Amino acid sequence: MSAMPSPQPLHAFGLPVALSDGEFVLLQALFYEQIGIQLPLVKKPLVCGRLAKRLAALGLSSYQQYYQYLLAPQGAAELEIAIDLITTHETYFFREPKHFEFLQQRILPAYAQQTDFRVWSAACSTGEEAYTLAMLLHEARSHARWRVLGSDISRPVLGMARRGLYPLERGSKIPNPYLKRYCLKGQGQYLGYFLLEQCLRDGVEFAQANLNLAMPALGMFDLILLRNVLIYFDQPTKLRVLHNVVQHLKPGGWLMVGHSEALHQHDLPLQQVATSIYRRVGP
């Protein structure tokens, strides 16, 4: 009598591997520990959908195995991939334009005589926010120094940001004068894309950073944009991230958060100036 063949994992037959509630709780705790993101149970289908291909690529038959692999030393690179798949990277040029109007009309004129102006685009994703800032700074400070730092936890999106190359449709929100001045329309193999001018790419640097951790090497900034990030954190994580970020804000410096992210119950040296715009007070 022939032996029964070993059962094949579901993905070998093109079927998705089921994610149990218990396995989801393990992944939920892991992502919370690593990046502070809250994943409620309603996000289980999203997690399953985004990670299913990784199980197939690694030849794993359960999320329990995948979880164990992420904890192992050899799983460090895979953990970065998983974090990148789980985190949200929605962004576009000139998003929430009232912030940029405030920057042009209120902030930059006040710093006209300052020799240097430094901005941090925290959780910058693929770089559109950082380059939007660069356009405004290059225009307003053509004879004065300026720098923009864009940071994100995801290495893949930072790689895309450093190229400064985007599909043409991603430029739909860029005002026409800036589009003509700073965006080079691609030809040949780059048809359908635009490349940002070298003067912008030279003024922006990108670095990996986890906002849940202290980041002493970043230095101090005149303006920090921490927009549409805090909504993904619970209150303790939100306060920790705010503390980590605000300590890099110069006295009198400005902090902008997302329009739906008003700051409440925080013990930070911040004074609200306008909707979602704060200023650091004190020494």
C-alpha atoms as a PDB file:
ATOM      1  CA  MET A   1       0.000   0.000   0.000  1.00  0.00           C
ATOM      2  CA  SER A   2       1.508   3.337  -1.044  1.00  0.00           C
ATOM      3  CA  ALA A   3       2.070   6.070   1.540  1.00  0.00           C
ATOM      4  CA  MET A   4      -0.244   9.060   1.554  1.00  0.00           C
ATOM      5  CA  PRO A   5       1.543  12.130   0.127  1.00  0.00           C
ATOM      6  CA  SER A   6       2.313  14.988   2.516  1.00  0.00           C
ATOM      7  CA  PRO A   7      -0.316  17.716   2.447  1.00  0.00           C
ATOM      8  CA  GLN A   8       0.637  20.699   0.312  1.00  0.00           C
ATOM      9  CA  PRO A   9       0.250  24.239   1.646  1.00  0.00           C
ATOM     10  CA  LEU A  10      -2.810  26.033   0.360  1.00  0.00           C
ATOM     11  CA  HIS A  11      -0.794  28.573  -1.618  1.00  0.00           C
ATOM     12  CA  ALA A  12       0.681  25.712  -3.679  1.00  0.00           C
ATOM     13  CA  PHE A  13      -2.792  25.349  -5.179  1.00  0.00           C
ATOM     14  CA  GLY A  14      -3.296  29.114  -5.593  1.00  0.00           C
ATOM     15  CA  LEU A  15      -5.484  29.313  -2.498  1.00  0.00           C
ATOM     16  CA  PRO A  16      -4.919  31.990   0.140  1.00  0.00           C
ATOM     17  CA  VAL A  17      -3.654  30.951   3.557  1.00  0.00           C
ATOM     18  CA  ALA A  18      -6.199  31.733   6.283  1.00  0.00           C
ATOM     19  CA  LEU A  19      -5.224  34.151   9.040  1.00  0.00           C
ATOM     20  CA  SER A  20      -6.700  33.067  12.376  1.00  0.00           C
ATOM     21  CA  ASP A  21      -7.636  35.531  15.113  1.00  0.00           C
ATOM     22  CA  GLY A  22      -4.813  34.161  17.257  1.00  0.00           C
ATOM     23  CA  GLU A  23      -2.251  34.677  14.509  1.00  0.00           C
ATOM     24  CA  PHE A  24      -3.572  38.169  13.875  1.00  0.00           C
ATOM     25  CA  VAL A  25      -3.109  39.037  17.560  1.00  0.00           C
ATOM     26  CA  LEU A  26       0.552  37.980  17.312  1.00  0.00           C
ATOM     27  CA  LEU A  27       1.145  40.147  14.236  1.00  0.00           C
ATOM     28  CA  GLN A  28      -0.852  42.968  15.797  1.00  0.00           C
ATOM     29  CA  ALA A  29       1.441  42.969  18.844  1.00  0.00           C
ATOM     30  CA  LEU A  30       4.572  42.739  16.702  1.00  0.00           C
ATOM     31  CA  PHE A  31       3.698  45.734  14.532  1.00  0.00           C
ATOM     32  CA  TYR A  32       2.660  47.733  17.575  1.00  0.00           C
ATOM     33  CA  GLU A  33       5.988  46.986  19.254  1.00  0.00           C
ATOM     34  CA  GLN A  34       8.005  47.798  16.129  1.00  0.00           C
ATOM     35  CA  ILE A  35       6.289  50.937  14.819  1.00  0.00           C
ATOM     36  CA  GLY A  36       3.474  51.771  17.251  1.00  0.00           C
ATOM     37  CA  ILE A  37       0.684  51.289  14.721  1.00  0.00           C
ATOM     38  CA  GLN A  38      -2.682  50.122  16.000  1.00  0.00           C
ATOM     39  CA  LEU A  39      -4.291  47.370  13.917  1.00  0.00           C
ATOM     40  CA  PRO A  40      -7.862  46.694  15.122  1.00  0.00           C
ATOM     41  CA  LEU A  41      -9.492  43.364  14.318  1.00  0.00           C
ATOM     42  CA  VAL A  42     -11.387  44.918  11.400  1.00  0.00           C
ATOM     43  CA  LYS A  43      -7.984  45.291   9.698  1.00  0.00           C
ATOM     44  CA  LYS A  44      -7.459  41.522   9.603  1.00  0.00           C
ATOM     45  CA  PRO A  45      -8.544  41.174   5.930  1.00  0.00           C
ATOM     46  CA  LEU A  46      -6.185  44.025   5.000  1.00  0.00           C
ATOM     47  CA  VAL A  47      -3.257  42.403   6.802  1.00  0.00           C
ATOM     48  CA  CYS A  48      -4.033  39.043   5.219  1.00  0.00           C
ATOM     49  CA  GLY A  49      -4.326  40.578   1.766  1.00  0.00           C
ATOM     50  CA  ARG A  50      -1.050  42.488   1.998  1.00  0.00           C
ATOM     51  CA  LEU A  51       1.044  39.683   3.490  1.00  0.00           C
ATOM     52  CA  ALA A  52      -0.342  36.660   1.602  1.00  0.00           C
ATOM     53  CA  LYS A  53       2.171  37.002  -1.245  1.00  0.00           C
ATOM     54  CA  ARG A  54       5.050  37.040   1.223  1.00  0.00           C
ATOM     55  CA  LEU A  55       3.981  33.677   2.635  1.00  0.00           C
ATOM     56  CA  ALA A  56       3.856  32.296  -0.900  1.00  0.00           C
ATOM     57  CA  ALA A  57       7.256  33.778  -1.777  1.00  0.00           C
ATOM     58  CA  LEU A  58       8.834  32.228   1.318  1.00  0.00           C
ATOM     59  CA  GLY A  59       7.032  28.888   0.941  1.00  0.00           C
ATOM     60  CA  LEU A  60       5.317  29.177   4.317  1.00  0.00           C
ATOM     61  CA  SER A  61       2.006  27.492   5.048  1.00  0.00           C
ATOM     62  CA  SER A  62       0.756  29.574   7.990  1.00  0.00           C
ATOM     63  CA  TYR A  63       0.963  33.037   9.481  1.00  0.00           C
ATOM     64  CA  GLN A  64       2.300  31.423  12.659  1.00  0.00           C
ATOM     65  CA  GLN A  65       5.349  30.341  10.643  1.00  0.00           C
ATOM     66  CA  TYR A  66       5.627  33.802   9.134  1.00  0.00           C
ATOM     67  CA  TYR A  67       5.475  35.401  12.592  1.00  0.00           C
ATOM     68  CA  GLN A  68       8.252  33.120  13.851  1.00  0.00           C
ATOM     69  CA  TYR A  69      10.331  33.955  10.793  1.00  0.00           C
ATOM     70  CA  LEU A  70       9.925  37.692  11.419  1.00  0.00           C
ATOM     71  CA  LEU A  71      11.247  37.197  14.977  1.00  0.00           C
ATOM     72  CA  ALA A  72      14.281  35.205  13.847  1.00  0.00           C
ATOM     73  CA  PRO A  73      17.637  36.925  13.118  1.00  0.00           C
ATOM     74  CA  GLN A  74      17.419  35.903   9.455  1.00  0.00           C
ATOM     75  CA  GLY A  75      14.007  37.589   9.236  1.00  0.00           C
ATOM     76  CA  ALA A  76      15.242  41.163   9.796  1.00  0.00           C
ATOM     77  CA  ALA A  77      15.026  42.080   6.108  1.00  0.00           C
ATOM     78  CA  GLU A  78      11.600  40.445   5.828  1.00  0.00           C
ATOM     79  CA  LEU A  79      10.371  42.429   8.825  1.00  0.00           C
ATOM     80  CA  GLU A  80      11.181  45.637   6.928  1.00  0.00           C
ATOM     81  CA  ILE A  81       9.228  44.320   3.935  1.00  0.00           C
ATOM     82  CA  ALA A  82       6.249  43.457   6.161  1.00  0.00           C
ATOM     83  CA  ILE A  83       6.295  46.893   7.804  1.00  0.00           C
ATOM     84  CA  ASP A  84       6.403  48.520   4.383  1.00  0.00           C
ATOM     85  CA  LEU A  85       3.398  46.486   3.235  1.00  0.00           C
ATOM     86  CA  ILE A  86       1.372  47.252   6.359  1.00  0.00           C
ATOM     87  CA  THR A  87       2.013  50.992   6.566  1.00  0.00           C
ATOM     88  CA  THR A  88       0.038  53.511   4.530  1.00  0.00           C
ATOM     89  CA  HIS A  89       1.936  55.562   1.941  1.00  0.00           C
ATOM     90  CA  GLU A  90      -0.786  57.881   0.677  1.00  0.00           C
ATOM     91  CA  THR A  91       0.633  61.287  -0.231  1.00  0.00           C
ATOM     92  CA  TYR A  92       0.669  63.814  -3.046  1.00  0.00           C
ATOM     93  CA  PHE A  93       2.152  67.190  -3.953  1.00  0.00           C
ATOM     94  CA  PHE A  94       0.650  70.264  -2.223  1.00  0.00           C
ATOM     95  CA  ARG A  95      -1.562  68.128   0.015  1.00  0.00           C
ATOM     96  CA  GLU A  96      -3.568  70.287   2.463  1.00  0.00           C
ATOM     97  CA  PRO A  97      -2.568  73.511   0.652  1.00  0.00           C
ATOM     98  CA  LYS A  98      -3.528  75.887   3.492  1.00  0.00           C
ATOM     99  CA  HIS A  99      -0.383  74.792   5.311  1.00  0.00           C
ATOM    100  CA  PHE A 100       1.764  75.820   2.378  1.00  0.00           C
ATOM    101  CA  GLU A 101      -0.071  79.119   2.072  1.00  0.00           C
ATOM    102  CA  PHE A 102       0.667  79.754   5.767  1.00  0.00           C
ATOM    103  CA  LEU A 103       4.315  78.896   5.149  1.00  0.00           C
ATOM    104  CA  GLN A 104       4.547  81.356   2.256  1.00  0.00           C
ATOM    105  CA  GLN A 105       2.596  84.202   3.838  1.00  0.00           C
ATOM    106  CA  ARG A 106       3.469  83.968   7.533  1.00  0.00           C
ATOM    107  CA  ILE A 107       6.522  81.863   8.249  1.00  0.00           C
ATOM    108  CA  LEU A 108       9.026  82.452   5.453  1.00  0.00           C
ATOM    109  CA  PRO A 109       8.812  86.282   5.520  1.00  0.00           C
ATOM    110  CA  ALA A 110       9.643  86.193   9.240  1.00  0.00           C
ATOM    111  CA  TYR A 111      12.811  84.188   8.509  1.00  0.00           C
ATOM    112  CA  ALA A 112      13.922  86.274   5.516  1.00  0.00           C
ATOM    113  CA  GLN A 113      17.015  87.575   7.342  1.00  0.00           C
ATOM    114  CA  GLN A 114      17.955  84.224   8.871  1.00  0.00           C
ATOM    115  CA  THR A 115      20.955  82.709   7.101  1.00  0.00           C
ATOM    116  CA  ASP A 116      19.637  79.158   7.183  1.00  0.00           C
ATOM    117  CA  PHE A 117      16.195  77.505   7.293  1.00  0.00           C
ATOM    118  CA  ARG A 118      15.770  73.807   8.033  1.00  0.00           C
ATOM    119  CA  VAL A 119      12.588  71.751   7.588  1.00  0.00           C
ATOM    120  CA  TRP A 120      11.727  68.167   8.507  1.00  0.00           C
ATOM    121  CA  SER A 121       9.060  66.265   6.588  1.00  0.00           C
ATOM    122  CA  ALA A 122       8.408  63.405   9.031  1.00  0.00           C
ATOM    123  CA  ALA A 123       6.852  60.231   7.598  1.00  0.00           C
ATOM    124  CA  CYS A 124       7.453  61.631   4.109  1.00  0.00           C
ATOM    125  CA  SER A 125       6.581  58.416   2.216  1.00  0.00           C
ATOM    126  CA  THR A 126       7.593  58.739  -1.460  1.00  0.00           C
ATOM    127  CA  GLY A 127       8.742  62.339  -1.037  1.00  0.00           C
ATOM    128  CA  GLU A 128       5.995  64.524  -2.496  1.00  0.00           C
ATOM    129  CA  GLU A 129       5.647  66.602   0.674  1.00  0.00           C
ATOM    130  CA  ALA A 130       9.407  67.124   0.984  1.00  0.00           C
ATOM    131  CA  TYR A 131       9.695  68.281  -2.632  1.00  0.00           C
ATOM    132  CA  THR A 132       6.659  70.563  -2.260  1.00  0.00           C
ATOM    133  CA  LEU A 133       8.516  72.263   0.579  1.00  0.00           C
ATOM    134  CA  ALA A 134      11.647  72.443  -1.569  1.00  0.00           C
ATOM    135  CA  MET A 135       9.768  74.257  -4.349  1.00  0.00           C
ATOM    136  CA  LEU A 136       8.521  76.918  -1.938  1.00  0.00           C
ATOM    137  CA  LEU A 137      11.874  77.317  -0.221  1.00  0.00           C
ATOM    138  CA  HIS A 138      13.829  77.533  -3.457  1.00  0.00           C
ATOM    139  CA  GLU A 139      11.495  80.264  -4.681  1.00  0.00           C
ATOM    140  CA  ALA A 140      11.459  82.266  -1.425  1.00  0.00           C
ATOM    141  CA  ARG A 141      15.097  81.791  -0.403  1.00  0.00           C
ATOM    142  CA  SER A 142      16.963  81.890  -3.705  1.00  0.00           C
ATOM    143  CA  HIS A 143      19.896  83.711  -2.048  1.00  0.00           C
ATOM    144  CA  ALA A 144      19.757  82.067   1.388  1.00  0.00           C
ATOM    145  CA  ARG A 145      20.451  78.540   2.589  1.00  0.00           C
ATOM    146  CA  TRP A 146      17.676  76.033   3.128  1.00  0.00           C
ATOM    147  CA  ARG A 147      17.496  72.282   3.635  1.00  0.00           C
ATOM    148  CA  VAL A 148      14.687  69.732   3.799  1.00  0.00           C
ATOM    149  CA  LEU A 149      14.962  66.365   5.517  1.00  0.00           C
ATOM    150  CA  GLY A 150      12.429  63.717   4.570  1.00  0.00           C
ATOM    151  CA  SER A 151      12.221  60.692   6.847  1.00  0.00           C
ATOM    152  CA  ASP A 152      10.215  57.492   6.788  1.00  0.00           C
ATOM    153  CA  ILE A 153      10.426  54.057   8.346  1.00  0.00           C
ATOM    154  CA  SER A 154      10.200  52.359   4.928  1.00  0.00           C
ATOM    155  CA  ARG A 155      13.405  51.979   2.916  1.00  0.00           C
ATOM    156  CA  PRO A 156      11.569  51.170  -0.363  1.00  0.00           C
ATOM    157  CA  VAL A 157       9.569  54.411  -0.370  1.00  0.00           C
ATOM    158  CA  LEU A 158      12.702  56.380   0.521  1.00  0.00           C
ATOM    159  CA  GLY A 159      14.432  54.863  -2.490  1.00  0.00           C
ATOM    160  CA  MET A 160      11.595  56.124  -4.687  1.00  0.00           C
ATOM    161  CA  ALA A 161      11.764  59.554  -3.047  1.00  0.00           C
ATOM    162  CA  ARG A 162      15.495  59.935  -3.688  1.00  0.00           C
ATOM    163  CA  ARG A 163      14.985  59.461  -7.422  1.00  0.00           C
ATOM    164  CA  GLY A 164      12.583  62.400  -7.647  1.00  0.00           C
ATOM    165  CA  LEU A 165      10.909  60.673 -10.591  1.00  0.00           C
ATOM    166  CA  TYR A 166       7.105  60.465 -10.673  1.00  0.00           C
ATOM    167  CA  PRO A 167       4.317  59.440 -13.078  1.00  0.00           C
ATOM    168  CA  LEU A 168       2.820  62.488 -14.779  1.00  0.00           C
ATOM    169  CA  GLU A 169      -0.543  62.021 -13.081  1.00  0.00           C
ATOM    170  CA  ARG A 170       1.156  62.488  -9.678  1.00  0.00           C
ATOM    171  CA  GLY A 171       1.809  66.102 -10.642  1.00  0.00           C
ATOM    172  CA  SER A 172      -1.863  67.010 -11.065  1.00  0.00           C
ATOM    173  CA  LYS A 173      -1.935  69.039  -7.823  1.00  0.00           C
ATOM    174  CA  ILE A 174       1.226  71.034  -8.571  1.00  0.00           C
ATOM    175  CA  PRO A 175       0.363  74.647  -9.501  1.00  0.00           C
ATOM    176  CA  ASN A 176       1.255  75.371 -13.109  1.00  0.00           C
ATOM    177  CA  PRO A 177       4.083  77.855 -12.421  1.00  0.00           C
ATOM    178  CA  TYR A 178       5.881  75.298 -10.246  1.00  0.00           C
ATOM    179  CA  LEU A 179       5.170  72.522 -12.729  1.00  0.00           C
ATOM    180  CA  LYS A 180       6.851  74.510 -15.506  1.00  0.00           C
ATOM    181  CA  ARG A 181       9.743  75.672 -13.358  1.00  0.00           C
ATOM    182  CA  TYR A 182      10.701  72.514 -11.483  1.00  0.00           C
ATOM    183  CA  CYS A 183       9.378  69.466 -13.367  1.00  0.00           C
ATOM    184  CA  LEU A 184      11.133  68.011 -16.400  1.00  0.00           C
ATOM    185  CA  LYS A 185       8.900  65.955 -18.682  1.00  0.00           C
ATOM    186  CA  GLY A 186      10.406  62.577 -19.483  1.00  0.00           C
ATOM    187  CA  GLN A 187      11.141  61.236 -22.953  1.00  0.00           C
ATOM    188  CA  GLY A 188      12.050  57.826 -24.351  1.00  0.00           C
ATOM    189  CA  GLN A 189      12.089  55.233 -21.579  1.00  0.00           C
ATOM    190  CA  TYR A 190      10.826  57.934 -19.165  1.00  0.00           C
ATOM    191  CA  LEU A 191       7.807  58.864 -21.262  1.00  0.00           C
ATOM    192  CA  GLY A 192       4.840  59.376 -18.944  1.00  0.00           C
ATOM    193  CA  TYR A 193       7.048  60.545 -16.068  1.00  0.00           C
ATOM    194  CA  PHE A 194       8.509  63.794 -14.809  1.00  0.00           C
ATOM    195  CA  LEU A 195      11.793  64.398 -13.007  1.00  0.00           C
ATOM    196  CA  LEU A 196      12.232  67.112 -10.415  1.00  0.00           C
ATOM    197  CA  GLU A 197      14.926  69.690 -11.131  1.00  0.00           C
ATOM    198  CA  GLN A 198      18.400  69.047  -9.744  1.00  0.00           C
ATOM    199  CA  CYS A 199      18.205  72.197  -7.607  1.00  0.00           C
ATOM    200  CA  LEU A 200      15.372  70.596  -5.605  1.00  0.00           C
ATOM    201  CA  ARG A 201      16.971  67.183  -5.359  1.00  0.00           C
ATOM    202  CA  ASP A 202      20.178  68.772  -4.098  1.00  0.00           C
ATOM    203  CA  GLY A 203      18.289  70.563  -1.320  1.00  0.00           C
ATOM    204  CA  VAL A 204      16.439  67.506   0.001  1.00  0.00           C
ATOM    205  CA  GLU A 205      17.932  64.527   1.794  1.00  0.00           C
ATOM    206  CA  PHE A 206      16.114  61.380   2.890  1.00  0.00           C
ATOM    207  CA  ALA A 207      16.809  59.154   5.881  1.00  0.00           C
ATOM    208  CA  GLN A 208      15.168  56.212   7.587  1.00  0.00           C
ATOM    209  CA  ALA A 209      13.705  57.064  10.995  1.00  0.00           C
ATOM    210  CA  ASN A 210      11.317  55.390  13.427  1.00  0.00           C
ATOM    211  CA  LEU A 211       9.277  58.130  15.114  1.00  0.00           C
ATOM    212  CA  ASN A 212       8.727  55.884  18.142  1.00  0.00           C
ATOM    213  CA  LEU A 213      12.423  56.084  18.993  1.00  0.00           C
ATOM    214  CA  ALA A 214      14.720  58.925  20.025  1.00  0.00           C
ATOM    215  CA  MET A 215      16.602  60.383  17.048  1.00  0.00           C
ATOM    216  CA  PRO A 216      19.425  62.526  18.476  1.00  0.00           C
ATOM    217  CA  ALA A 217      21.377  62.702  15.212  1.00  0.00           C
ATOM    218  CA  LEU A 218      18.670  64.628  13.352  1.00  0.00           C
ATOM    219  CA  GLY A 219      19.484  68.021  14.844  1.00  0.00           C
ATOM    220  CA  MET A 220      17.116  70.973  15.138  1.00  0.00           C
ATOM    221  CA  PHE A 221      14.528  72.404  12.735  1.00  0.00           C
ATOM    222  CA  ASP A 222      12.672  75.666  12.148  1.00  0.00           C
ATOM    223  CA  LEU A 223       9.622  73.825  10.798  1.00  0.00           C
ATOM    224  CA  ILE A 224       8.412  70.240  11.178  1.00  0.00           C
ATOM    225  CA  LEU A 225       5.537  68.651   9.255  1.00  0.00           C
ATOM    226  CA  LEU A 226       4.072  65.636  11.055  1.00  0.00           C
ATOM    227  CA  ARG A 227       0.897  65.327   9.030  1.00  0.00           C
ATOM    228  CA  ASN A 228      -1.607  62.476   8.825  1.00  0.00           C
ATOM    229  CA  VAL A 229       0.574  60.239  10.979  1.00  0.00           C
ATOM    230  CA  LEU A 230      -0.782  60.540  14.513  1.00  0.00           C
ATOM    231  CA  ILE A 231      -4.182  59.133  13.501  1.00  0.00           C
ATOM    232  CA  TYR A 232      -2.603  55.663  13.277  1.00  0.00           C
ATOM    233  CA  PHE A 233      -1.395  55.654  16.907  1.00  0.00           C
ATOM    234  CA  ASP A 234      -3.084  55.125  20.260  1.00  0.00           C
ATOM    235  CA  GLN A 235      -2.779  57.892  22.854  1.00  0.00           C
ATOM    236  CA  PRO A 236       0.405  56.671  24.617  1.00  0.00           C
ATOM    237  CA  THR A 237       2.200  56.147  21.295  1.00  0.00           C
ATOM    238  CA  LYS A 238       0.941  59.475  19.977  1.00  0.00           C
ATOM    239  CA  LEU A 239       2.396  61.286  23.004  1.00  0.00           C
ATOM    240  CA  ARG A 240       5.700  59.445  22.673  1.00  0.00           C
ATOM    241  CA  VAL A 241       5.967  60.336  18.966  1.00  0.00           C
ATOM    242  CA  LEU A 242       5.103  63.971  19.663  1.00  0.00           C
ATOM    243  CA  HIS A 243       7.752  64.146  22.387  1.00  0.00           C
ATOM    244  CA  ASN A 244      10.363  62.603  20.076  1.00  0.00           C
ATOM    245  CA  VAL A 245       9.514  65.061  17.311  1.00  0.00           C
ATOM    246  CA  VAL A 246       9.053  68.279  19.294  1.00  0.00           C
ATOM    247  CA  GLN A 247      12.455  67.972  20.945  1.00  0.00           C
ATOM    248  CA  HIS A 248      13.919  68.663  17.479  1.00  0.00           C
ATOM    249  CA  LEU A 249      11.952  71.895  17.097  1.00  0.00           C
ATOM    250  CA  LYS A 250      13.847  75.128  17.739  1.00  0.00           C
ATOM    251  CA  PRO A 251      12.335  77.608  20.212  1.00  0.00           C
ATOM    252  CA  GLY A 252       9.869  79.657  18.173  1.00  0.00           C
ATOM    253  CA  GLY A 253       9.803  76.916  15.532  1.00  0.00           C
ATOM    254  CA  TRP A 254       6.630  75.667  13.884  1.00  0.00           C
ATOM    255  CA  LEU A 255       4.841  72.296  13.895  1.00  0.00           C
ATOM    256  CA  MET A 256       2.140  71.327  11.402  1.00  0.00           C
ATOM    257  CA  VAL A 257      -0.052  68.246  11.875  1.00  0.00           C
ATOM    258  CA  GLY A 258      -2.876  66.931   9.712  1.00  0.00           C
ATOM    259  CA  HIS A 259      -6.130  68.908   9.645  1.00  0.00           C
ATOM    260  CA  SER A 260      -7.898  66.062  11.483  1.00  0.00           C
ATOM    261  CA  GLU A 261      -5.177  65.738  14.127  1.00  0.00           C
ATOM    262  CA  ALA A 262      -5.780  68.488  16.684  1.00  0.00           C
ATOM    263  CA  LEU A 263      -3.520  67.962  19.704  1.00  0.00           C
ATOM    264  CA  HIS A 264      -5.268  67.474  23.033  1.00  0.00           C
ATOM    265  CA  GLN A 265      -4.053  66.428  26.468  1.00  0.00           C
ATOM    266  CA  HIS A 266      -0.385  66.887  25.747  1.00  0.00           C
ATOM    267  CA  ASP A 267       2.264  68.255  28.085  1.00  0.00           C
ATOM    268  CA  LEU A 268       4.445  69.846  25.420  1.00  0.00           C
ATOM    269  CA  PRO A 269       5.823  73.369  24.927  1.00  0.00           C
ATOM    270  CA  LEU A 270       3.416  74.076  22.062  1.00  0.00           C
ATOM    271  CA  GLN A 271       0.970  76.918  21.494  1.00  0.00           C
ATOM    272  CA  GLN A 272      -1.739  76.612  18.858  1.00  0.00           C
ATOM    273  CA  VAL A 273      -1.569  79.422  16.293  1.00  0.00           C
ATOM    274  CA  ALA A 274      -4.098  78.204  13.719  1.00  0.00           C
ATOM    275  CA  THR A 275      -5.969  75.020  12.884  1.00  0.00           C
ATOM    276  CA  SER A 276      -3.405  72.172  13.013  1.00  0.00           C
ATOM    277  CA  ILE A 277      -0.506  74.680  13.293  1.00  0.00           C
ATOM    278  CA  TYR A 278       1.518  75.043  16.495  1.00  0.00           C
ATOM    279  CA  ARG A 279       4.559  76.980  17.659  1.00  0.00           C
ATOM    280  CA  ARG A 280       7.177  75.967  20.217  1.00  0.00           C
ATOM    281  CA  VAL A 281       7.241  78.298  23.197  1.00  0.00           C
ATOM    282  CA  GLY A 282       9.733  78.679  26.034  1.00  0.00           C
ATOM    283  CA  PRO A 283      13.518  78.272  26.055  1.00  0.00           C
END
